[in-house]
């Protein structure tokens, strides 16, 4: 069984660290980005099985845009949005999941299990 590959986009280093650790403990392969520009670079060159993105990010690219751009490369890519507050109207991609901040590590693991493709 190969590990599900996850791209995590989170600007808060503490949250990013605990989510990466929680997911890796569950056997997931995680790459991470601290902002939208970094995330788009990963989307363009890396095939992942799942995207987890904060909605509100520093810079000019938000979580909504990351999901839309990643879906251009992989139309069926499952997406989990993490949000506390976003100044723009929500526009989640079809088949995505919203997770309210502040969440516990087990909440994110449970959400990943719900949307991650089965790896046989």
C-alpha atoms as a PDB file:
ATOM      1  CA  UNK A   1       0.000   0.000   0.000  1.00  0.00           C
ATOM      2  CA  UNK A   2       1.448   3.358  -0.972  1.00  0.00           C
ATOM      3  CA  UNK A   3       1.026   6.379   1.275  1.00  0.00           C
ATOM      4  CA  UNK A   4      -1.523   9.041   0.400  1.00  0.00           C
ATOM      5  CA  UNK A   5       0.360  12.189  -0.619  1.00  0.00           C
ATOM      6  CA  UNK A   6      -0.931  15.410   0.908  1.00  0.00           C
ATOM      7  CA  UNK A   7      -0.101  19.048   0.179  1.00  0.00           C
ATOM      8  CA  UNK A   8      -0.690  21.132   3.312  1.00  0.00           C
ATOM      9  CA  UNK A   9      -0.856  24.923   2.958  1.00  0.00           C
ATOM     10  CA  UNK A  10      -0.740  26.765   6.298  1.00  0.00           C
ATOM     11  CA  UNK A  11       0.972  30.052   7.140  1.00  0.00           C
ATOM     12  CA  UNK A  12       1.051  29.555  10.921  1.00  0.00           C
ATOM     13  CA  UNK A  13       4.249  27.573  11.642  1.00  0.00           C
ATOM     14  CA  UNK A  14       2.902  25.995  14.851  1.00  0.00           C
ATOM     15  CA  UNK A  15      -0.318  24.795  13.241  1.00  0.00           C
ATOM     16  CA  UNK A  16       1.605  23.587  10.180  1.00  0.00           C
ATOM     17  CA  UNK A  17       4.022  21.647  12.381  1.00  0.00           C
ATOM     18  CA  UNK A  18       1.343  19.898  14.460  1.00  0.00           C
ATOM     19  CA  UNK A  19      -0.749  18.999  11.395  1.00  0.00           C
ATOM     20  CA  UNK A  20       2.267  17.626   9.504  1.00  0.00           C
ATOM     21  CA  UNK A  21       3.258  15.575  12.554  1.00  0.00           C
ATOM     22  CA  UNK A  22      -0.274  14.235  13.104  1.00  0.00           C
ATOM     23  CA  UNK A  23      -0.643  13.211   9.465  1.00  0.00           C
ATOM     24  CA  UNK A  24       2.805  11.626   9.236  1.00  0.00           C
ATOM     25  CA  UNK A  25       2.080   9.608  12.381  1.00  0.00           C
ATOM     26  CA  UNK A  26      -0.919   8.192  10.497  1.00  0.00           C
ATOM     27  CA  UNK A  27       1.329   7.148   7.610  1.00  0.00           C
ATOM     28  CA  UNK A  28       0.561   9.954   5.169  1.00  0.00           C
ATOM     29  CA  UNK A  29       3.287  11.533   3.036  1.00  0.00           C
ATOM     30  CA  UNK A  30       3.073  15.305   3.594  1.00  0.00           C
ATOM     31  CA  UNK A  31       4.642  18.218   1.770  1.00  0.00           C
ATOM     32  CA  UNK A  32       3.881  21.687   3.039  1.00  0.00           C
ATOM     33  CA  UNK A  33       3.825  25.301   1.969  1.00  0.00           C
ATOM     34  CA  UNK A  34       3.605  28.489   4.029  1.00  0.00           C
ATOM     35  CA  UNK A  35       1.846  30.634   1.410  1.00  0.00           C
ATOM     36  CA  UNK A  36      -0.134  30.495  -1.799  1.00  0.00           C
ATOM     37  CA  UNK A  37       2.762  31.132  -4.131  1.00  0.00           C
ATOM     38  CA  UNK A  38       4.725  28.218  -2.637  1.00  0.00           C
ATOM     39  CA  UNK A  39       1.648  26.005  -2.861  1.00  0.00           C
ATOM     40  CA  UNK A  40       1.098  26.793  -6.534  1.00  0.00           C
ATOM     41  CA  UNK A  41       4.705  25.854  -7.249  1.00  0.00           C
ATOM     42  CA  UNK A  42       4.055  22.458  -5.631  1.00  0.00           C
ATOM     43  CA  UNK A  43       0.755  22.045  -7.522  1.00  0.00           C
ATOM     44  CA  UNK A  44       2.525  22.574 -10.811  1.00  0.00           C
ATOM     45  CA  UNK A  45       5.248  19.998 -10.289  1.00  0.00           C
ATOM     46  CA  UNK A  46       3.965  17.473  -7.784  1.00  0.00           C
ATOM     47  CA  UNK A  47       1.176  14.978  -8.027  1.00  0.00           C
ATOM     48  CA  UNK A  48      -0.659  14.792  -4.710  1.00  0.00           C
ATOM     49  CA  UNK A  49      -3.728  12.834  -3.666  1.00  0.00           C
ATOM     50  CA  UNK A  50      -5.205  15.515  -1.387  1.00  0.00           C
ATOM     51  CA  UNK A  51      -4.937  19.252  -0.726  1.00  0.00           C
ATOM     52  CA  UNK A  52      -5.421  20.780   2.726  1.00  0.00           C
ATOM     53  CA  UNK A  53      -5.340  24.560   2.597  1.00  0.00           C
ATOM     54  CA  UNK A  54      -5.885  27.450   4.921  1.00  0.00           C
ATOM     55  CA  UNK A  55      -8.206  29.954   3.264  1.00  0.00           C
ATOM     56  CA  UNK A  56      -6.644  33.191   4.471  1.00  0.00           C
ATOM     57  CA  UNK A  57      -2.945  33.324   3.563  1.00  0.00           C
ATOM     58  CA  UNK A  58      -0.314  36.050   3.290  1.00  0.00           C
ATOM     59  CA  UNK A  59       0.427  37.286  -0.212  1.00  0.00           C
ATOM     60  CA  UNK A  60      -1.799  37.550  -3.225  1.00  0.00           C
ATOM     61  CA  UNK A  61      -2.985  33.925  -3.476  1.00  0.00           C
ATOM     62  CA  UNK A  62      -5.637  32.587  -1.081  1.00  0.00           C
ATOM     63  CA  UNK A  63      -6.808  29.043  -0.396  1.00  0.00           C
ATOM     64  CA  UNK A  64      -9.732  29.305  -2.804  1.00  0.00           C
ATOM     65  CA  UNK A  65      -7.338  30.153  -5.652  1.00  0.00           C
ATOM     66  CA  UNK A  66      -4.932  27.358  -4.702  1.00  0.00           C
ATOM     67  CA  UNK A  67      -7.712  24.767  -4.881  1.00  0.00           C
ATOM     68  CA  UNK A  68      -8.975  26.128  -8.194  1.00  0.00           C
ATOM     69  CA  UNK A  69      -5.490  26.079  -9.733  1.00  0.00           C
ATOM     70  CA  UNK A  70      -4.635  22.610  -8.377  1.00  0.00           C
ATOM     71  CA  UNK A  71      -7.929  21.316  -9.764  1.00  0.00           C
ATOM     72  CA  UNK A  72      -6.838  22.524 -13.222  1.00  0.00           C
ATOM     73  CA  UNK A  73      -4.057  19.893 -13.033  1.00  0.00           C
ATOM     74  CA  UNK A  74      -6.195  17.272 -11.251  1.00  0.00           C
ATOM     75  CA  UNK A  75      -9.975  17.833 -11.608  1.00  0.00           C
ATOM     76  CA  UNK A  76     -10.845  15.159  -9.026  1.00  0.00           C
ATOM     77  CA  UNK A  77      -8.397  16.305  -6.336  1.00  0.00           C
ATOM     78  CA  UNK A  78     -10.031  16.162  -2.876  1.00  0.00           C
ATOM     79  CA  UNK A  79      -9.713  19.457  -0.977  1.00  0.00           C
ATOM     80  CA  UNK A  80     -10.039  20.268   2.719  1.00  0.00           C
ATOM     81  CA  UNK A  81     -10.286  23.963   3.566  1.00  0.00           C
ATOM     82  CA  UNK A  82      -9.307  25.155   7.037  1.00  0.00           C
ATOM     83  CA  UNK A  83     -10.796  28.498   7.942  1.00  0.00           C
ATOM     84  CA  UNK A  84     -11.327  30.776  10.864  1.00  0.00           C
ATOM     85  CA  UNK A  85     -12.209  33.958   9.029  1.00  0.00           C
ATOM     86  CA  UNK A  86     -11.981  34.852   5.376  1.00  0.00           C
ATOM     87  CA  UNK A  87     -12.578  38.368   4.042  1.00  0.00           C
ATOM     88  CA  UNK A  88     -13.815  36.999   0.708  1.00  0.00           C
ATOM     89  CA  UNK A  89     -16.980  35.054  -0.055  1.00  0.00           C
ATOM     90  CA  UNK A  90     -16.521  31.274   0.193  1.00  0.00           C
ATOM     91  CA  UNK A  91     -16.156  29.481  -3.108  1.00  0.00           C
ATOM     92  CA  UNK A  92     -15.161  25.903  -2.305  1.00  0.00           C
ATOM     93  CA  UNK A  93     -14.554  23.530  -5.174  1.00  0.00           C
ATOM     94  CA  UNK A  94     -17.072  20.748  -5.686  1.00  0.00           C
ATOM     95  CA  UNK A  95     -16.617  17.762  -3.378  1.00  0.00           C
ATOM     96  CA  UNK A  96     -14.524  19.616  -0.815  1.00  0.00           C
ATOM     97  CA  UNK A  97     -14.740  19.753   2.956  1.00  0.00           C
ATOM     98  CA  UNK A  98     -14.615  22.756   5.307  1.00  0.00           C
ATOM     99  CA  UNK A  99     -12.875  22.494   8.674  1.00  0.00           C
ATOM    100  CA  UNK A 100     -13.288  25.291  11.216  1.00  0.00           C
ATOM    101  CA  UNK A 101     -10.170  26.517  13.006  1.00  0.00           C
ATOM    102  CA  UNK A 102      -9.119  25.847  15.675  1.00  0.00           C
ATOM    103  CA  UNK A 103      -9.225  22.133  15.141  1.00  0.00           C
ATOM    104  CA  UNK A 104      -7.494  19.306  16.986  1.00  0.00           C
ATOM    105  CA  UNK A 105      -5.028  16.967  15.236  1.00  0.00           C
ATOM    106  CA  UNK A 106      -7.581  14.143  15.355  1.00  0.00           C
ATOM    107  CA  UNK A 107     -10.118  16.382  13.548  1.00  0.00           C
ATOM    108  CA  UNK A 108      -7.806  16.852  10.584  1.00  0.00           C
ATOM    109  CA  UNK A 109      -6.929  13.139  10.510  1.00  0.00           C
ATOM    110  CA  UNK A 110     -10.648  12.252  10.534  1.00  0.00           C
ATOM    111  CA  UNK A 111     -11.324  14.735   7.707  1.00  0.00           C
ATOM    112  CA  UNK A 112      -8.461  13.270   5.648  1.00  0.00           C
ATOM    113  CA  UNK A 113      -9.840   9.752   6.130  1.00  0.00           C
ATOM    114  CA  UNK A 114     -13.218  10.953   4.851  1.00  0.00           C
ATOM    115  CA  UNK A 115     -11.934  12.424   1.591  1.00  0.00           C
ATOM    116  CA  UNK A 116      -8.609  10.681   0.849  1.00  0.00           C
ATOM    117  CA  UNK A 117      -8.648   8.268  -2.035  1.00  0.00           C
ATOM    118  CA  UNK A 118      -8.181   4.639  -1.096  1.00  0.00           C
ATOM    119  CA  UNK A 119      -4.651   3.485  -1.819  1.00  0.00           C
ATOM    120  CA  UNK A 120      -4.515  -0.201  -2.561  1.00  0.00           C
END
